[in-house]
């Protein structure tokens, strides 16, 4: 893999992780403290549980990423789905911040020449590209759940994290105008 392609891949991975984190934070900011702990039914997870699980996964996968298996022996995954009744928003957000700090410090340290190196997750070999892609997909899945729950709790008060409903055509017109050559858009040259 060329260094240029590898650098572009790492830039895109960093962009996607930052975007996923920002989207979840935009959703979490809209829920009331008690709503963080509400599960819609006995088989569902609350936002707090999802955050705890993500943070546990992030700690396990991205600690000593290049040198140890991504499933650490001290990880107790089943406990990530249990929340103590005294847990606070501050504690949930601390888990969140610590998990993401670990992800970003590891991803920032990667070099293009690392991408085809092998790492293991549960003793299964992965290239670093595969391992990172696996985590991107996993985190996007759970962040979608967080957004769904937050939007459910806010209903009409929901502040869109992307293009608001009924505003797609307006958004598209503005995006096209921004990219057209001329007085209001970029010029070739």
Protein backbone atom coordinates (compact mmCIF):
# COMPACT_ATOMS: atom_id res chain seq x y z
CA UNK A 1 0.00 0.00 0.00
CA UNK A 2 1.40 3.38 -0.92
CA UNK A 3 2.13 5.85 1.83
CA UNK A 4 -0.18 8.34 0.18
CA UNK A 5 -3.13 5.93 0.17
CA UNK A 6 -2.40 4.87 3.75
CA UNK A 7 -2.22 8.50 4.91
CA UNK A 8 -5.54 9.24 3.17
CA UNK A 9 -7.12 6.19 4.83
CA UNK A 10 -5.91 7.27 8.29
CA UNK A 11 -7.19 10.82 7.72
CA UNK A 12 -10.59 9.41 6.76
CA UNK A 13 -10.67 7.07 9.78
CA UNK A 14 -9.90 9.99 12.09
CA UNK A 15 -12.61 12.08 10.41
CA UNK A 16 -15.20 9.32 10.78
CA UNK A 17 -14.37 8.63 14.43
CA UNK A 18 -14.61 12.39 15.20
CA UNK A 19 -17.93 12.58 13.35
CA UNK A 20 -19.39 9.59 15.21
CA UNK A 21 -18.29 11.05 18.54
CA UNK A 22 -19.72 14.48 17.71
CA UNK A 23 -23.06 12.99 16.58
CA UNK A 24 -23.48 10.97 19.78
CA UNK A 25 -22.54 13.95 21.93
CA UNK A 26 -25.11 16.08 20.11
CA UNK A 27 -27.75 13.47 20.92
CA UNK A 28 -26.67 12.91 24.53
CA UNK A 29 -26.70 16.67 25.17
CA UNK A 30 -30.40 16.75 24.29
CA UNK A 31 -31.54 14.17 26.86
CA UNK A 32 -32.36 14.83 30.48
CA UNK A 33 -30.17 13.17 33.11
CA UNK A 34 -32.78 10.57 34.05
CA UNK A 35 -33.38 9.70 30.38
CA UNK A 36 -29.78 8.49 30.07
CA UNK A 37 -30.80 5.51 32.18
CA UNK A 38 -34.14 4.60 30.54
CA UNK A 39 -34.37 1.35 28.56
CA UNK A 40 -37.40 1.04 26.31
CA UNK A 41 -37.97 -2.58 27.31
CA UNK A 42 -36.19 -5.34 29.27
CA UNK A 43 -34.18 -6.45 26.23
CA UNK A 44 -33.05 -2.92 25.30
CA UNK A 45 -30.12 -0.87 26.54
CA UNK A 46 -30.22 2.64 27.91
CA UNK A 47 -27.91 5.34 26.57
CA UNK A 48 -25.80 4.96 29.73
CA UNK A 49 -25.42 1.21 29.15
CA UNK A 50 -24.46 1.78 25.51
CA UNK A 51 -21.84 4.33 26.57
CA UNK A 52 -20.48 1.98 29.24
CA UNK A 53 -20.23 -0.82 26.68
CA UNK A 54 -18.54 1.40 24.11
CA UNK A 55 -16.07 2.67 26.69
CA UNK A 56 -15.24 -0.89 27.77
CA UNK A 57 -14.77 -1.93 24.16
CA UNK A 58 -12.59 1.11 23.44
CA UNK A 59 -10.39 0.44 26.46
CA UNK A 60 -9.99 -3.19 25.52
CA UNK A 61 -9.42 -2.73 21.79
CA UNK A 62 -7.18 0.33 21.87
CA UNK A 63 -4.98 -0.35 24.91
CA UNK A 64 -1.62 -1.65 23.68
CA UNK A 65 -3.28 -1.94 20.27
CA UNK A 66 -0.20 -3.06 18.37
CA UNK A 67 1.14 -5.51 20.96
CA UNK A 68 -1.71 -7.29 22.76
CA UNK A 69 -4.96 -8.98 21.81
CA UNK A 70 -7.87 -6.55 21.48
CA UNK A 71 -9.95 -8.57 23.93
CA UNK A 72 -8.11 -7.93 27.19
CA UNK A 73 -8.25 -10.62 29.89
CA UNK A 74 -9.42 -8.04 32.46
CA UNK A 75 -12.41 -6.96 30.37
CA UNK A 76 -15.71 -8.12 31.82
CA UNK A 77 -18.01 -7.43 28.89
CA UNK A 78 -21.20 -8.66 30.56
CA UNK A 79 -20.72 -6.09 33.34
CA UNK A 80 -20.73 -3.32 30.73
CA UNK A 81 -24.47 -3.96 30.42
CA UNK A 82 -25.16 -3.34 34.12
CA UNK A 83 -25.59 0.12 35.61
CA UNK A 84 -25.44 0.95 39.30
CA UNK A 85 -28.46 2.95 40.51
CA UNK A 86 -26.12 5.68 41.79
CA UNK A 87 -24.46 6.27 38.42
CA UNK A 88 -24.54 9.91 37.32
CA UNK A 89 -24.36 11.73 33.99
CA UNK A 90 -20.87 12.92 35.00
CA UNK A 91 -19.71 9.33 35.44
CA UNK A 92 -21.24 8.26 32.10
CA UNK A 93 -19.50 11.16 30.35
CA UNK A 94 -16.21 10.32 32.08
CA UNK A 95 -16.44 6.77 30.63
CA UNK A 96 -17.20 8.31 27.26
CA UNK A 97 -14.29 10.76 27.34
CA UNK A 98 -11.79 8.19 28.59
CA UNK A 99 -12.79 5.70 25.90
CA UNK A 100 -12.52 8.21 23.08
CA UNK A 101 -9.21 9.55 24.41
CA UNK A 102 -7.81 6.03 24.12
CA UNK A 103 -9.16 5.61 20.58
CA UNK A 104 -7.77 8.92 19.37
CA UNK A 105 -4.35 8.55 20.99
CA UNK A 106 -3.96 5.15 19.33
CA UNK A 107 -5.28 6.21 15.92
CA UNK A 108 -3.16 9.39 15.91
CA UNK A 109 -0.04 7.31 16.52
CA UNK A 110 -0.65 5.00 13.54
CA UNK A 111 1.46 5.46 10.43
CA UNK A 112 0.58 4.42 6.87
CA UNK A 113 3.16 1.64 7.04
CA UNK A 114 1.31 0.14 10.05
CA UNK A 115 -1.93 -0.54 8.19
CA UNK A 116 -1.06 -4.02 6.93
CA UNK A 117 0.50 -5.14 10.22
CA UNK A 118 -1.38 -7.88 12.01
CA UNK A 119 -3.17 -7.59 15.36
CA UNK A 120 -5.56 -10.00 17.02
CA UNK A 121 -9.03 -9.67 18.49
CA UNK A 122 -10.09 -12.73 20.46
CA UNK A 123 -7.08 -14.48 18.96
CA UNK A 124 -8.39 -13.88 15.41
CA UNK A 125 -5.83 -12.14 13.16
CA UNK A 126 -6.75 -8.83 11.54
CA UNK A 127 -4.75 -6.29 9.61
CA UNK A 128 -4.83 -2.95 11.36
CA UNK A 129 -7.09 -1.73 8.55
CA UNK A 130 -9.53 -4.57 9.30
CA UNK A 131 -9.38 -4.02 13.07
CA UNK A 132 -10.01 -0.28 12.73
CA UNK A 133 -12.81 -0.85 10.20
CA UNK A 134 -14.40 -3.33 12.58
CA UNK A 135 -14.42 -0.73 15.35
CA UNK A 136 -15.76 2.03 13.09
CA UNK A 137 -18.71 -0.19 12.16
CA UNK A 138 -19.29 -1.27 15.77
CA UNK A 139 -19.25 2.28 17.10
CA UNK A 140 -21.49 3.58 14.30
CA UNK A 141 -24.02 0.86 15.13
CA UNK A 142 -24.21 1.84 18.80
CA UNK A 143 -24.13 5.56 18.12
CA UNK A 144 -27.15 5.05 15.89
CA UNK A 145 -28.86 3.50 18.91
CA UNK A 146 -27.93 6.50 21.07
CA UNK A 147 -29.33 8.91 18.47
CA UNK A 148 -32.50 6.86 18.12
CA UNK A 149 -33.10 6.88 21.88
CA UNK A 150 -32.35 10.58 22.27
CA UNK A 151 -34.67 11.45 19.39
CA UNK A 152 -37.37 9.21 20.91
CA UNK A 153 -37.11 11.06 24.23
CA UNK A 154 -37.14 14.54 22.66
CA UNK A 155 -39.82 13.93 19.97
CA UNK A 156 -40.91 17.41 18.75
CA UNK A 157 -38.13 19.14 20.73
CA UNK A 158 -35.43 17.19 18.84
CA UNK A 159 -32.75 19.35 17.24
CA UNK A 160 -31.55 17.60 14.10
CA UNK A 161 -27.93 16.46 13.99
CA UNK A 162 -27.90 16.50 10.19
CA UNK A 163 -30.32 17.88 7.59
CA UNK A 164 -33.66 18.63 9.31
CA UNK A 165 -36.78 16.96 7.99
CA UNK A 166 -38.27 18.91 5.11
CA UNK A 167 -35.05 20.84 4.47
CA UNK A 168 -33.24 18.51 2.01
CA UNK A 169 -33.97 20.53 -1.13
CA UNK A 170 -32.88 23.78 0.51
CA UNK A 171 -29.70 22.10 1.77
CA UNK A 172 -28.94 20.67 -1.68
CA UNK A 173 -29.43 24.07 -3.37
CA UNK A 174 -27.02 25.69 -0.91
CA UNK A 175 -24.43 22.93 -1.31
CA UNK A 176 -24.58 23.13 -5.11
CA UNK A 177 -24.34 26.93 -5.07
CA UNK A 178 -21.33 26.74 -2.78
CA UNK A 179 -19.47 24.54 -5.28
CA UNK A 180 -20.43 26.41 -8.48
CA UNK A 181 -17.84 28.69 -10.03
CA UNK A 182 -18.79 32.33 -9.86
CA UNK A 183 -19.26 35.13 -7.35
CA UNK A 184 -20.77 32.89 -4.64
CA UNK A 185 -18.73 29.75 -5.16
CA UNK A 186 -15.18 28.54 -5.74
CA UNK A 187 -13.46 29.45 -8.99
CA UNK A 188 -11.43 27.16 -11.17
CA UNK A 189 -7.91 28.09 -11.38
